[in-house]
PDB file of N, CA and C in Angstrom:
ATOM      1  N   UNK A   1     107.442 -75.589  -9.171  1.00  0.00           N
ATOM      2  CA  UNK A   1     107.336 -75.219  -7.886  1.00  0.00           C
ATOM      3  C   UNK A   1     105.454 -74.293  -8.158  1.00  0.00           C
ATOM      4  N   UNK A   2     105.144 -73.452  -8.907  1.00  0.00           N
ATOM      5  CA  UNK A   2     103.893 -73.374  -9.113  1.00  0.00           C
ATOM      6  C   UNK A   2     102.830 -74.357  -8.299  1.00  0.00           C
ATOM      7  N   UNK A   3     103.507 -75.622  -9.246  1.00  0.00           N
ATOM      8  CA  UNK A   3     102.450 -77.112  -8.849  1.00  0.00           C
ATOM      9  C   UNK A   3     102.987 -77.689  -7.274  1.00  0.00           C
ATOM     10  N   UNK A   4     104.076 -76.956  -6.787  1.00  0.00           N
ATOM     11  CA  UNK A   4     103.917 -77.483  -5.128  1.00  0.00           C
ATOM     12  C   UNK A   4     102.960 -76.484  -4.503  1.00  0.00           C
ATOM     13  N   UNK A   5     103.054 -75.397  -4.966  1.00  0.00           N
ATOM     14  CA  UNK A   5     102.206 -74.669  -3.563  1.00  0.00           C
ATOM     15  C   UNK A   5     101.271 -74.170  -4.388  1.00  0.00           C
ATOM     16  N   UNK A   6     100.410 -74.987  -5.643  1.00  0.00           N
ATOM     17  CA  UNK A   6      99.056 -75.311  -6.205  1.00  0.00           C
ATOM     18  C   UNK A   6      98.276 -76.870  -4.885  1.00  0.00           C
ATOM     19  N   UNK A   7      99.440 -77.348  -5.149  1.00  0.00           N
ATOM     20  CA  UNK A   7      99.491 -78.582  -4.152  1.00  0.00           C
ATOM     21  C   UNK A   7      99.060 -78.669  -3.009  1.00  0.00           C
ATOM     22  N   UNK A   8      99.806 -77.619  -2.208  1.00  0.00           N
ATOM     23  CA  UNK A   8      99.814 -77.391  -1.198  1.00  0.00           C
ATOM     24  C   UNK A   8      98.069 -75.922  -0.272  1.00  0.00           C
ATOM     25  N   UNK A   9      98.433 -74.933  -1.419  1.00  0.00           N
ATOM     26  CA  UNK A   9      96.721 -74.529  -1.249  1.00  0.00           C
ATOM     27  C   UNK A   9      95.918 -75.939  -1.235  1.00  0.00           C
ATOM     28  N   UNK A  10      95.665 -76.780  -2.150  1.00  0.00           N
ATOM     29  CA  UNK A  10      94.847 -77.823  -2.346  1.00  0.00           C
ATOM     30  C   UNK A  10      94.491 -78.477  -1.263  1.00  0.00           C
ATOM     31  N   UNK A  11      95.811 -78.552  -0.777  1.00  0.00           N
ATOM     32  CA  UNK A  11      95.913 -79.417   0.824  1.00  0.00           C
ATOM     33  C   UNK A  11      95.072 -78.686   2.082  1.00  0.00           C
ATOM     34  N   UNK A  12      95.666 -77.882   2.088  1.00  0.00           N
ATOM     35  CA  UNK A  12      94.861 -76.554   2.755  1.00  0.00           C
ATOM     36  C   UNK A  12      93.533 -76.740   3.224  1.00  0.00           C
ATOM     37  N   UNK A  13      93.540 -76.088   1.531  1.00  0.00           N
ATOM     38  CA  UNK A  13      91.547 -75.833   1.973  1.00  0.00           C
ATOM     39  C   UNK A  13      90.911 -76.541   2.362  1.00  0.00           C
ATOM     40  N   UNK A  14      91.432 -78.548   1.687  1.00  0.00           N
ATOM     41  CA  UNK A  14      90.892 -79.485   1.919  1.00  0.00           C
ATOM     42  C   UNK A  14      90.606 -79.972   3.490  1.00  0.00           C
ATOM     43  N   UNK A  15      91.561 -79.760   4.036  1.00  0.00           N
ATOM     44  CA  UNK A  15      91.530 -79.934   6.093  1.00  0.00           C
ATOM     45  C   UNK A  15      90.912 -78.856   6.485  1.00  0.00           C
ATOM     46  N   UNK A  16      90.734 -76.886   5.950  1.00  0.00           N
ATOM     47  CA  UNK A  16      90.266 -76.076   6.865  1.00  0.00           C
ATOM     48  C   UNK A  16      89.073 -76.356   5.684  1.00  0.00           C
ATOM     49  N   UNK A  17      88.353 -77.298   5.262  1.00  0.00           N
ATOM     50  CA  UNK A  17      86.727 -77.174   4.951  1.00  0.00           C
ATOM     51  C   UNK A  17      85.950 -78.324   5.502  1.00  0.00           C
ATOM     52  N   UNK A  18      87.468 -78.931   6.232  1.00  0.00           N
ATOM     53  CA  UNK A  18      86.705 -80.553   6.907  1.00  0.00           C
ATOM     54  C   UNK A  18      85.681 -80.267   8.182  1.00  0.00           C
ATOM     55  N   UNK A  19      84.899 -81.310   8.150  1.00  0.00           N
ATOM     56  CA  UNK A  19      84.025 -80.896   9.657  1.00  0.00           C
ATOM     57  C   UNK A  19      84.942 -80.748  11.180  1.00  0.00           C
ATOM     58  N   UNK A  20      84.532 -79.892  12.092  1.00  0.00           N
ATOM     59  CA  UNK A  20      85.485 -80.227  13.552  1.00  0.00           C
ATOM     60  C   UNK A  20      84.626 -81.720  13.799  1.00  0.00           C
ATOM     61  N   UNK A  21      86.108 -82.208  14.876  1.00  0.00           N
ATOM     62  CA  UNK A  21      85.125 -83.311  15.203  1.00  0.00           C
ATOM     63  C   UNK A  21      83.755 -83.657  16.052  1.00  0.00           C
ATOM     64  N   UNK A  22      83.438 -84.104  16.389  1.00  0.00           N
ATOM     65  CA  UNK A  22      81.898 -83.915  16.911  1.00  0.00           C
ATOM     66  C   UNK A  22      81.717 -84.496  18.098  1.00  0.00           C
ATOM     67  N   UNK A  23      81.852 -84.529  18.776  1.00  0.00           N
ATOM     68  CA  UNK A  23      81.393 -84.366  20.227  1.00  0.00           C
ATOM     69  C   UNK A  23      80.714 -86.156  20.723  1.00  0.00           C
ATOM     70  N   UNK A  24      82.198 -86.677  20.586  1.00  0.00           N
ATOM     71  CA  UNK A  24      81.167 -88.592  21.020  1.00  0.00           C
ATOM     72  C   UNK A  24      80.134 -88.343  22.043  1.00  0.00           C
ATOM     73  N   UNK A  25      80.378 -87.922  23.097  1.00  0.00           N
ATOM     74  CA  UNK A  25      80.057 -88.242  24.832  1.00  0.00           C
ATOM     75  C   UNK A  25      78.930 -86.875  24.967  1.00  0.00           C
ATOM     76  N   UNK A  26      78.249 -86.982  24.235  1.00  0.00           N
ATOM     77  CA  UNK A  26      76.757 -85.674  24.781  1.00  0.00           C
ATOM     78  C   UNK A  26      76.303 -85.622  26.146  1.00  0.00           C
ATOM     79  N   UNK A  27      76.184 -85.198  26.950  1.00  0.00           N
ATOM     80  CA  UNK A  27      75.539 -85.407  28.224  1.00  0.00           C
ATOM     81  C   UNK A  27      74.376 -85.332  27.767  1.00  0.00           C
ATOM     82  N   UNK A  28      73.301 -86.182  28.695  1.00  0.00           N
ATOM     83  CA  UNK A  28      72.165 -86.472  28.283  1.00  0.00           C
ATOM     84  C   UNK A  28      72.063 -86.941  29.536  1.00  0.00           C
ATOM     85  N   UNK A  29      70.315 -86.594  30.377  1.00  0.00           N
ATOM     86  CA  UNK A  29      70.178 -86.980  31.139  1.00  0.00           C
ATOM     87  C   UNK A  29      69.469 -88.780  31.186  1.00  0.00           C
ATOM     88  N   UNK A  30      69.300 -89.425  30.131  1.00  0.00           N
ATOM     89  CA  UNK A  30      69.451 -91.141  30.360  1.00  0.00           C
ATOM     90  C   UNK A  30      71.107 -91.392  31.017  1.00  0.00           C
ATOM     91  N   UNK A  31      71.580 -91.063  29.893  1.00  0.00           N
ATOM     92  CA  UNK A  31      73.364 -91.419  30.546  1.00  0.00           C
ATOM     93  C   UNK A  31      73.384 -91.038  31.391  1.00  0.00           C
ATOM     94  N   UNK A  32      73.693 -90.175  31.798  1.00  0.00           N
ATOM     95  CA  UNK A  32      73.610 -89.942  33.548  1.00  0.00           C
ATOM     96  C   UNK A  32      72.543 -90.746  33.966  1.00  0.00           C
ATOM     97  N   UNK A  33      71.193 -91.219  34.128  1.00  0.00           N
ATOM     98  CA  UNK A  33      71.135 -91.841  34.540  1.00  0.00           C
ATOM     99  C   UNK A  33      70.906 -93.349  35.071  1.00  0.00           C
ATOM    100  N   UNK A  34      71.714 -93.552  33.627  1.00  0.00           N
ATOM    101  CA  UNK A  34      72.306 -95.251  33.219  1.00  0.00           C
ATOM    102  C   UNK A  34      73.623 -95.207  33.220  1.00  0.00           C
ATOM    103  N   UNK A  35      74.682 -94.270  34.040  1.00  0.00           N
ATOM    104  CA  UNK A  35      75.650 -94.358  33.784  1.00  0.00           C
ATOM    105  C   UNK A  35      76.490 -93.996  35.606  1.00  0.00           C
ATOM    106  N   UNK A  36      76.264 -93.322  35.833  1.00  0.00           N
ATOM    107  CA  UNK A  36      76.212 -92.692  37.220  1.00  0.00           C
ATOM    108  C   UNK A  36      75.902 -93.015  38.124  1.00  0.00           C
ATOM    109  N   UNK A  37      76.577 -94.262  39.561  1.00  0.00           N
ATOM    110  CA  UNK A  37      75.517 -94.924  40.494  1.00  0.00           C
ATOM    111  C   UNK A  37      76.841 -95.369  41.338  1.00  0.00           C
ATOM    112  N   UNK A  38      75.991 -95.682  42.802  1.00  0.00           N
ATOM    113  CA  UNK A  38      77.258 -95.496  43.826  1.00  0.00           C
ATOM    114  C   UNK A  38      78.644 -96.634  43.697  1.00  0.00           C
ATOM    115  N   UNK A  39      79.469 -96.419  44.093  1.00  0.00           N
ATOM    116  CA  UNK A  39      80.792 -96.795  43.468  1.00  0.00           C
ATOM    117  C   UNK A  39      81.202 -96.803  42.684  1.00  0.00           C
ATOM    118  N   UNK A  40      80.555 -96.104  41.539  1.00  0.00           N
ATOM    119  CA  UNK A  40      81.651 -95.641  40.007  1.00  0.00           C
ATOM    120  C   UNK A  40      82.276 -95.516  40.782  1.00  0.00           C
ATOM    121  N   UNK A  41      84.145 -95.147  40.133  1.00  0.00           N
ATOM    122  CA  UNK A  41      85.312 -94.360  39.924  1.00  0.00           C
ATOM    123  C   UNK A  41      85.413 -92.920  39.517  1.00  0.00           C
ATOM    124  N   UNK A  42      85.858 -92.909  39.637  1.00  0.00           N
ATOM    125  CA  UNK A  42      85.968 -91.085  39.147  1.00  0.00           C
ATOM    126  C   UNK A  42      86.170 -91.686  37.042  1.00  0.00           C
ATOM    127  N   UNK A  43      87.215 -92.195  36.780  1.00  0.00           N
ATOM    128  CA  UNK A  43      87.731 -92.647  35.535  1.00  0.00           C
ATOM    129  C   UNK A  43      86.248 -93.006  34.528  1.00  0.00           C
ATOM    130  N   UNK A  44      85.566 -94.112  35.157  1.00  0.00           N
ATOM    131  CA  UNK A  44      84.526 -94.544  34.847  1.00  0.00           C
ATOM    132  C   UNK A  44      83.275 -93.324  34.286  1.00  0.00           C
ATOM    133  N   UNK A  45      83.050 -92.508  35.198  1.00  0.00           N
ATOM    134  CA  UNK A  45      82.648 -91.678  35.149  1.00  0.00           C
ATOM    135  C   UNK A  45      83.331 -90.148  33.674  1.00  0.00           C
ATOM    136  N   UNK A  46      84.093 -90.000  33.799  1.00  0.00           N
ATOM    137  CA  UNK A  46      84.583 -89.438  33.138  1.00  0.00           C
ATOM    138  C   UNK A  46      84.645 -89.602  31.787  1.00  0.00           C
ATOM    139  N   UNK A  47      84.735 -91.110  31.616  1.00  0.00           N
ATOM    140  CA  UNK A  47      85.323 -91.708  30.495  1.00  0.00           C
ATOM    141  C   UNK A  47      83.673 -91.818  29.686  1.00  0.00           C
ATOM    142  N   UNK A  48      82.550 -91.891  30.172  1.00  0.00           N
ATOM    143  CA  UNK A  48      81.326 -91.580  29.082  1.00  0.00           C
ATOM    144  C   UNK A  48      80.937 -90.300  29.467  1.00  0.00           C
ATOM    145  N   UNK A  49      80.777 -89.452  30.778  1.00  0.00           N
ATOM    146  CA  UNK A  49      81.041 -87.968  30.755  1.00  0.00           C
ATOM    147  C   UNK A  49      81.743 -86.712  30.404  1.00  0.00           C
ATOM    148  N   UNK A  50      82.721 -87.517  30.215  1.00  0.00           N
ATOM    149  CA  UNK A  50      83.838 -86.496  30.051  1.00  0.00           C
ATOM    150  C   UNK A  50      83.706 -85.540  31.157  1.00  0.00           C
ATOM    151  N   UNK A  51      85.123 -84.308  31.256  1.00  0.00           N
ATOM    152  CA  UNK A  51      85.225 -83.709  32.295  1.00  0.00           C
ATOM    153  C   UNK A  51      83.978 -82.689  32.409  1.00  0.00           C
ATOM    154  N   UNK A  52      84.435 -82.963  33.903  1.00  0.00           N
ATOM    155  CA  UNK A  52      83.543 -81.594  34.851  1.00  0.00           C
ATOM    156  C   UNK A  52      83.483 -80.149  34.744  1.00  0.00           C
ATOM    157  N   UNK A  53      83.076 -79.438  34.122  1.00  0.00           N
ATOM    158  CA  UNK A  53      82.679 -78.031  34.771  1.00  0.00           C
ATOM    159  C   UNK A  53      83.561 -77.775  35.955  1.00  0.00           C
ATOM    160  N   UNK A  54      83.261 -77.947  37.037  1.00  0.00           N
ATOM    161  CA  UNK A  54      84.069 -77.368  37.735  1.00  0.00           C
ATOM    162  C   UNK A  54      84.489 -78.318  38.585  1.00  0.00           C
ATOM    163  N   UNK A  55      85.306 -78.474  40.234  1.00  0.00           N
ATOM    164  CA  UNK A  55      85.554 -79.569  40.557  1.00  0.00           C
ATOM    165  C   UNK A  55      86.010 -78.821  41.918  1.00  0.00           C
ATOM    166  N   UNK A  56      85.151 -79.041  42.979  1.00  0.00           N
ATOM    167  CA  UNK A  56      85.554 -78.380  44.517  1.00  0.00           C
ATOM    168  C   UNK A  56      84.971 -79.553  45.567  1.00  0.00           C
ATOM    169  N   UNK A  57      84.822 -78.549  46.228  1.00  0.00           N
ATOM    170  CA  UNK A  57      85.329 -79.712  47.893  1.00  0.00           C
ATOM    171  C   UNK A  57      83.821 -79.636  48.481  1.00  0.00           C
ATOM    172  N   UNK A  58      83.585 -80.555  49.613  1.00  0.00           N
ATOM    173  CA  UNK A  58      82.040 -80.015  49.346  1.00  0.00           C
ATOM    174  C   UNK A  58      81.827 -79.392  51.408  1.00  0.00           C
ATOM    175  N   UNK A  59      81.594 -79.511  52.356  1.00  0.00           N
ATOM    176  CA  UNK A  59      81.870 -79.251  53.727  1.00  0.00           C
ATOM    177  C   UNK A  59      82.586 -80.639  54.471  1.00  0.00           C
ATOM    178  N   UNK A  60      82.492 -81.691  53.529  1.00  0.00           N
ATOM    179  CA  UNK A  60      82.759 -83.384  54.944  1.00  0.00           C
ATOM    180  C   UNK A  60      84.268 -83.138  54.339  1.00  0.00           C
ATOM    181  N   UNK A  61      84.731 -81.979  53.027  1.00  0.00           N
ATOM    182  CA  UNK A  61      85.850 -82.838  52.243  1.00  0.00           C
ATOM    183  C   UNK A  61      86.102 -83.773  50.995  1.00  0.00           C
ATOM    184  N   UNK A  62      85.655 -83.907  50.945  1.00  0.00           N
ATOM    185  CA  UNK A  62      84.455 -85.385  49.481  1.00  0.00           C
ATOM    186  C   UNK A  62      84.602 -83.894  48.362  1.00  0.00           C
ATOM    187  N   UNK A  63      85.550 -84.512  47.390  1.00  0.00           N
ATOM    188  CA  UNK A  63      85.597 -84.044  45.516  1.00  0.00           C
ATOM    189  C   UNK A  63      84.318 -83.838  45.592  1.00  0.00           C
ATOM    190  N   UNK A  64      83.743 -82.869  45.023  1.00  0.00           N
ATOM    191  CA  UNK A  64      82.576 -82.916  44.507  1.00  0.00           C
ATOM    192  C   UNK A  64      82.575 -82.764  42.505  1.00  0.00           C
ATOM    193  N   UNK A  65      82.078 -82.857  41.658  1.00  0.00           N
ATOM    194  CA  UNK A  65      82.149 -82.856  39.920  1.00  0.00           C
ATOM    195  C   UNK A  65      80.925 -82.352  40.004  1.00  0.00           C
ATOM    196  N   UNK A  66      80.682 -81.527  39.317  1.00  0.00           N
ATOM    197  CA  UNK A  66      79.797 -80.141  38.308  1.00  0.00           C
ATOM    198  C   UNK A  66      79.325 -80.219  36.902  1.00  0.00           C
ATOM    199  N   UNK A  67      78.771 -81.149  36.813  1.00  0.00           N
ATOM    200  CA  UNK A  67      78.450 -80.256  35.236  1.00  0.00           C
ATOM    201  C   UNK A  67      77.335 -79.551  34.677  1.00  0.00           C
ATOM    202  N   UNK A  68      77.439 -79.470  33.966  1.00  0.00           N
ATOM    203  CA  UNK A  68      76.188 -78.362  33.358  1.00  0.00           C
ATOM    204  C   UNK A  68      76.254 -77.803  31.984  1.00  0.00           C
ATOM    205  N   UNK A  69      75.391 -78.280  30.881  1.00  0.00           N
ATOM    206  CA  UNK A  69      74.974 -77.817  30.143  1.00  0.00           C
ATOM    207  C   UNK A  69      74.072 -77.437  29.675  1.00  0.00           C
ATOM    208  N   UNK A  70      73.709 -76.801  28.520  1.00  0.00           N
ATOM    209  CA  UNK A  70      73.056 -75.981  28.213  1.00  0.00           C
ATOM    210  C   UNK A  70      72.801 -76.246  26.752  1.00  0.00           C
ATOM    211  N   UNK A  71      71.229 -76.539  26.003  1.00  0.00           N
ATOM    212  CA  UNK A  71      71.478 -76.836  24.151  1.00  0.00           C
ATOM    213  C   UNK A  71      70.543 -75.948  24.297  1.00  0.00           C
ATOM    214  N   UNK A  72      70.384 -75.596  22.843  1.00  0.00           N
ATOM    215  CA  UNK A  72      69.433 -74.496  22.128  1.00  0.00           C
ATOM    216  C   UNK A  72      68.776 -75.546  21.178  1.00  0.00           C
ATOM    217  N   UNK A  73      67.621 -75.570  20.553  1.00  0.00           N
ATOM    218  CA  UNK A  73      66.799 -76.505  19.738  1.00  0.00           C
ATOM    219  C   UNK A  73      66.094 -74.859  19.072  1.00  0.00           C
ATOM    220  N   UNK A  74      66.102 -75.043  17.314  1.00  0.00           N
ATOM    221  CA  UNK A  74      65.004 -74.402  16.983  1.00  0.00           C
ATOM    222  C   UNK A  74      64.589 -75.118  16.129  1.00  0.00           C
ATOM    223  N   UNK A  75      63.412 -74.514  15.304  1.00  0.00           N
ATOM    224  CA  UNK A  75      62.299 -75.318  14.547  1.00  0.00           C
ATOM    225  C   UNK A  75      61.973 -74.122  13.649  1.00  0.00           C
ATOM    226  N   UNK A  76      62.146 -74.221  11.863  1.00  0.00           N
ATOM    227  CA  UNK A  76      61.469 -73.045  11.599  1.00  0.00           C
ATOM    228  C   UNK A  76      60.494 -74.448  10.456  1.00  0.00           C
ATOM    229  N   UNK A  77      59.513 -73.674  10.395  1.00  0.00           N
ATOM    230  CA  UNK A  77      58.360 -74.279   9.558  1.00  0.00           C
ATOM    231  C   UNK A  77      58.460 -73.285   8.549  1.00  0.00           C
ATOM    232  N   UNK A  78      57.622 -73.807   7.426  1.00  0.00           N
ATOM    233  CA  UNK A  78      57.977 -73.211   6.357  1.00  0.00           C
ATOM    234  C   UNK A  78      56.859 -73.526   5.310  1.00  0.00           C
ATOM    235  N   UNK A  79      55.630 -72.689   4.976  1.00  0.00           N
ATOM    236  CA  UNK A  79      54.314 -72.836   5.264  1.00  0.00           C
ATOM    237  C   UNK A  79      53.822 -73.250   3.029  1.00  0.00           C
ATOM    238  N   UNK A  80      54.946 -72.715   2.339  1.00  0.00           N
ATOM    239  CA  UNK A  80      54.704 -72.457   1.308  1.00  0.00           C
ATOM    240  C   UNK A  80      53.510 -71.635   0.332  1.00  0.00           C
ATOM    241  N   UNK A  81      53.584 -71.678  -1.019  1.00  0.00           N
ATOM    242  CA  UNK A  81      53.081 -71.192  -1.374  1.00  0.00           C
ATOM    243  C   UNK A  81      51.390 -70.811  -0.799  1.00  0.00           C
ATOM    244  N   UNK A  82      50.948 -71.856  -0.722  1.00  0.00           N
ATOM    245  CA  UNK A  82      49.415 -71.701  -0.306  1.00  0.00           C
ATOM    246  C   UNK A  82      49.140 -70.485   1.048  1.00  0.00           C
ATOM    247  N   UNK A  83      50.151 -70.880   1.793  1.00  0.00           N
ATOM    248  CA  UNK A  83      49.901 -69.851   2.729  1.00  0.00           C
ATOM    249  C   UNK A  83      50.339 -68.364   2.094  1.00  0.00           C
ATOM    250  N   UNK A  84      50.452 -68.263   1.086  1.00  0.00           N
ATOM    251  CA  UNK A  84      50.645 -66.887   1.339  1.00  0.00           C
ATOM    252  C   UNK A  84      49.277 -66.488   0.404  1.00  0.00           C
ATOM    253  N   UNK A  85      48.917 -67.420  -0.876  1.00  0.00           N
ATOM    254  CA  UNK A  85      47.455 -67.259  -1.342  1.00  0.00           C
ATOM    255  C   UNK A  85      46.105 -67.176  -0.849  1.00  0.00           C
ATOM    256  N   UNK A  86      46.451 -67.495   0.886  1.00  0.00           N
ATOM    257  CA  UNK A  86      45.560 -66.993   1.713  1.00  0.00           C
ATOM    258  C   UNK A  86      45.604 -66.116   2.861  1.00  0.00           C
ATOM    259  N   UNK A  87      46.907 -65.230   2.079  1.00  0.00           N
ATOM    260  CA  UNK A  87      47.118 -64.248   3.630  1.00  0.00           C
ATOM    261  C   UNK A  87      47.428 -64.683   4.457  1.00  0.00           C
ATOM    262  N   UNK A  88      48.206 -65.609   4.178  1.00  0.00           N
ATOM    263  CA  UNK A  88      48.845 -66.681   6.252  1.00  0.00           C
ATOM    264  C   UNK A  88      50.838 -66.035   6.290  1.00  0.00           C
ATOM    265  N   UNK A  89      51.093 -66.473   6.932  1.00  0.00           N
ATOM    266  CA  UNK A  89      52.855 -66.376   7.058  1.00  0.00           C
ATOM    267  C   UNK A  89      53.104 -67.407   6.286  1.00  0.00           C
ATOM    268  N   UNK A  90      54.477 -66.813   5.980  1.00  0.00           N
ATOM    269  CA  UNK A  90      55.246 -68.009   5.235  1.00  0.00           C
ATOM    270  C   UNK A  90      56.111 -68.588   5.463  1.00  0.00           C
ATOM    271  N   UNK A  91      56.361 -68.231   6.741  1.00  0.00           N
ATOM    272  CA  UNK A  91      57.326 -69.182   7.551  1.00  0.00           C
ATOM    273  C   UNK A  91      57.155 -68.953   9.377  1.00  0.00           C
ATOM    274  N   UNK A  92      57.630 -69.586   9.932  1.00  0.00           N
ATOM    275  CA  UNK A  92      57.562 -69.517  11.267  1.00  0.00           C
ATOM    276  C   UNK A  92      58.147 -69.552  12.424  1.00  0.00           C
ATOM    277  N   UNK A  93      58.821 -69.306  13.497  1.00  0.00           N
ATOM    278  CA  UNK A  93      60.540 -69.848  14.365  1.00  0.00           C
ATOM    279  C   UNK A  93      59.648 -70.381  15.510  1.00  0.00           C
ATOM    280  N   UNK A  94      60.713 -71.322  15.782  1.00  0.00           N
ATOM    281  CA  UNK A  94      60.086 -72.508  16.986  1.00  0.00           C
ATOM    282  C   UNK A  94      61.487 -72.508  17.643  1.00  0.00           C
ATOM    283  N   UNK A  95      61.865 -71.893  19.080  1.00  0.00           N
ATOM    284  CA  UNK A  95      63.476 -71.432  20.161  1.00  0.00           C
ATOM    285  C   UNK A  95      62.291 -72.530  21.068  1.00  0.00           C
ATOM    286  N   UNK A  96      63.264 -73.288  21.528  1.00  0.00           N
ATOM    287  CA  UNK A  96      63.572 -73.556  22.791  1.00  0.00           C
ATOM    288  C   UNK A  96      64.920 -73.667  23.577  1.00  0.00           C
ATOM    289  N   UNK A  97      65.115 -74.102  24.940  1.00  0.00           N
ATOM    290  CA  UNK A  97      66.759 -74.454  25.448  1.00  0.00           C
ATOM    291  C   UNK A  97      65.940 -75.491  26.471  1.00  0.00           C
ATOM    292  N   UNK A  98      67.551 -75.999  27.006  1.00  0.00           N
ATOM    293  CA  UNK A  98      67.461 -77.056  27.876  1.00  0.00           C
ATOM    294  C   UNK A  98      68.393 -77.388  28.528  1.00  0.00           C
ATOM    295  N   UNK A  99      68.295 -77.183  30.585  1.00  0.00           N
ATOM    296  CA  UNK A  99      69.347 -77.002  30.625  1.00  0.00           C
ATOM    297  C   UNK A  99      69.853 -78.925  31.733  1.00  0.00           C
ATOM    298  N   UNK A 100      70.763 -79.222  31.964  1.00  0.00           N
ATOM    299  CA  UNK A 100      71.444 -80.390  32.593  1.00  0.00           C
ATOM    300  C   UNK A 100      72.488 -80.130  33.187  1.00  0.00           C
ATOM    301  N   UNK A 101      72.050 -79.598  35.051  1.00  0.00           N
ATOM    302  CA  UNK A 101      72.933 -79.958  35.867  1.00  0.00           C
ATOM    303  C   UNK A 101      72.778 -80.924  36.858  1.00  0.00           C
ATOM    304  N   UNK A 102      74.378 -81.581  37.402  1.00  0.00           N
ATOM    305  CA  UNK A 102      74.877 -83.050  37.541  1.00  0.00           C
ATOM    306  C   UNK A 102      76.076 -82.105  38.592  1.00  0.00           C
ATOM    307  N   UNK A 103      75.528 -83.114  40.166  1.00  0.00           N
ATOM    308  CA  UNK A 103      76.809 -82.960  40.932  1.00  0.00           C
ATOM    309  C   UNK A 103      76.579 -84.092  41.753  1.00  0.00           C
ATOM    310  N   UNK A 104      78.059 -84.912  41.197  1.00  0.00           N
ATOM    311  CA  UNK A 104      78.719 -85.773  41.566  1.00  0.00           C
ATOM    312  C   UNK A 104      79.527 -85.631  43.200  1.00  0.00           C
ATOM    313  N   UNK A 105      79.738 -86.851  44.095  1.00  0.00           N
ATOM    314  CA  UNK A 105      79.991 -86.631  45.062  1.00  0.00           C
ATOM    315  C   UNK A 105      81.031 -87.838  45.339  1.00  0.00           C
ATOM    316  N   UNK A 106      82.232 -87.769  45.896  1.00  0.00           N
ATOM    317  CA  UNK A 106      83.543 -88.782  45.702  1.00  0.00           C
ATOM    318  C   UNK A 106      84.055 -88.843  47.287  1.00  0.00           C
ATOM    319  N   UNK A 107      83.883 -90.525  47.581  1.00  0.00           N
ATOM    320  CA  UNK A 107      84.969 -90.474  48.781  1.00  0.00           C
ATOM    321  C   UNK A 107      86.368 -90.349  48.086  1.00  0.00           C
ATOM    322  N   UNK A 108      86.515 -90.433  49.349  1.00  0.00           N
ATOM    323  CA  UNK A 108      88.150 -90.484  49.489  1.00  0.00           C
ATOM    324  C   UNK A 108      89.220 -91.485  48.739  1.00  0.00           C
ATOM    325  N   UNK A 109      87.936 -92.417  48.335  1.00  0.00           N
ATOM    326  CA  UNK A 109      89.009 -93.741  47.068  1.00  0.00           C
ATOM    327  C   UNK A 109      88.992 -92.911  45.939  1.00  0.00           C
ATOM    328  N   UNK A 110      88.017 -92.263  46.126  1.00  0.00           N
ATOM    329  CA  UNK A 110      86.963 -91.450  44.408  1.00  0.00           C
ATOM    330  C   UNK A 110      86.633 -92.479  43.622  1.00  0.00           C
ATOM    331  N   UNK A 111      85.546 -92.893  44.705  1.00  0.00           N
ATOM    332  CA  UNK A 111      84.309 -93.249  44.406  1.00  0.00           C
ATOM    333  C   UNK A 111      82.841 -92.687  44.939  1.00  0.00           C
ATOM    334  N   UNK A 112      81.671 -92.880  43.404  1.00  0.00           N
ATOM    335  CA  UNK A 112      80.634 -92.002  43.961  1.00  0.00           C
ATOM    336  C   UNK A 112      79.669 -92.390  45.089  1.00  0.00           C
ATOM    337  N   UNK A 113      79.918 -91.234  46.107  1.00  0.00           N
ATOM    338  CA  UNK A 113      79.103 -91.768  46.869  1.00  0.00           C
ATOM    339  C   UNK A 113      77.287 -90.989  47.190  1.00  0.00           C
ATOM    340  N   UNK A 114      77.427 -90.292  46.313  1.00  0.00           N
ATOM    341  CA  UNK A 114      76.401 -89.681  45.921  1.00  0.00           C
ATOM    342  C   UNK A 114      76.214 -88.486  45.092  1.00  0.00           C
ATOM    343  N   UNK A 115      75.016 -88.180  44.458  1.00  0.00           N
ATOM    344  CA  UNK A 115      74.760 -87.330  43.277  1.00  0.00           C
ATOM    345  C   UNK A 115      73.430 -87.418  43.042  1.00  0.00           C
ATOM    346  N   UNK A 116      73.478 -85.983  42.250  1.00  0.00           N
ATOM    347  CA  UNK A 116      71.593 -85.363  41.882  1.00  0.00           C
ATOM    348  C   UNK A 116      71.987 -85.093  40.939  1.00  0.00           C
ATOM    349  N   UNK A 117      71.055 -84.653  40.049  1.00  0.00           N
ATOM    350  CA  UNK A 117      70.814 -83.861  39.123  1.00  0.00           C
ATOM    351  C   UNK A 117      69.822 -83.255  38.960  1.00  0.00           C
ATOM    352  N   UNK A 118      69.528 -82.163  37.991  1.00  0.00           N
ATOM    353  CA  UNK A 118      68.182 -81.049  37.722  1.00  0.00           C
ATOM    354  C   UNK A 118      68.091 -80.632  36.393  1.00  0.00           C
ATOM    355  N   UNK A 119      66.791 -81.032  35.995  1.00  0.00           N
ATOM    356  CA  UNK A 119      66.790 -80.667  34.011  1.00  0.00           C
ATOM    357  C   UNK A 119      65.908 -79.568  34.153  1.00  0.00           C
ATOM    358  N   UNK A 120      65.750 -78.691  33.435  1.00  0.00           N
ATOM    359  CA  UNK A 120      65.167 -77.835  32.969  1.00  0.00           C
ATOM    360  C   UNK A 120      64.768 -77.467  31.779  1.00  0.00           C
ATOM    361  N   UNK A 121      62.859 -76.849  31.083  1.00  0.00           N
ATOM    362  CA  UNK A 121      62.748 -76.898  29.843  1.00  0.00           C
ATOM    363  C   UNK A 121      62.740 -75.442  29.795  1.00  0.00           C
ATOM    364  N   UNK A 122      62.648 -74.737  29.085  1.00  0.00           N
ATOM    365  CA  UNK A 122      62.161 -73.397  28.635  1.00  0.00           C
ATOM    366  C   UNK A 122      62.120 -72.889  27.099  1.00  0.00           C
TER     367      UNK A 122
END
């Protein structure tokens, strides 16, 4: 009985410590520019970009998908013991953020009729 419990606990520990699945299709400006073209259908767009954040209708009654992604990057630099000897700081941090918003409009046949994107870095 103890052996079974040990095996179950070991299996649970192994599964619990595994890495979560990584998102295979990260939304990037290059991916949008290369895959979103007039005439592409919703299935093709979903396969490449994934599900949109917002689905709405525009003034003409056309379906509009909005993708909105924000990414943050941090960089830490350590200058080592030499910097300490000359009285400098031993490390520095740099943070930056980027946002990408994509708006895709579809016609009644579920094909892309228009799209726009905006990217910001701050």
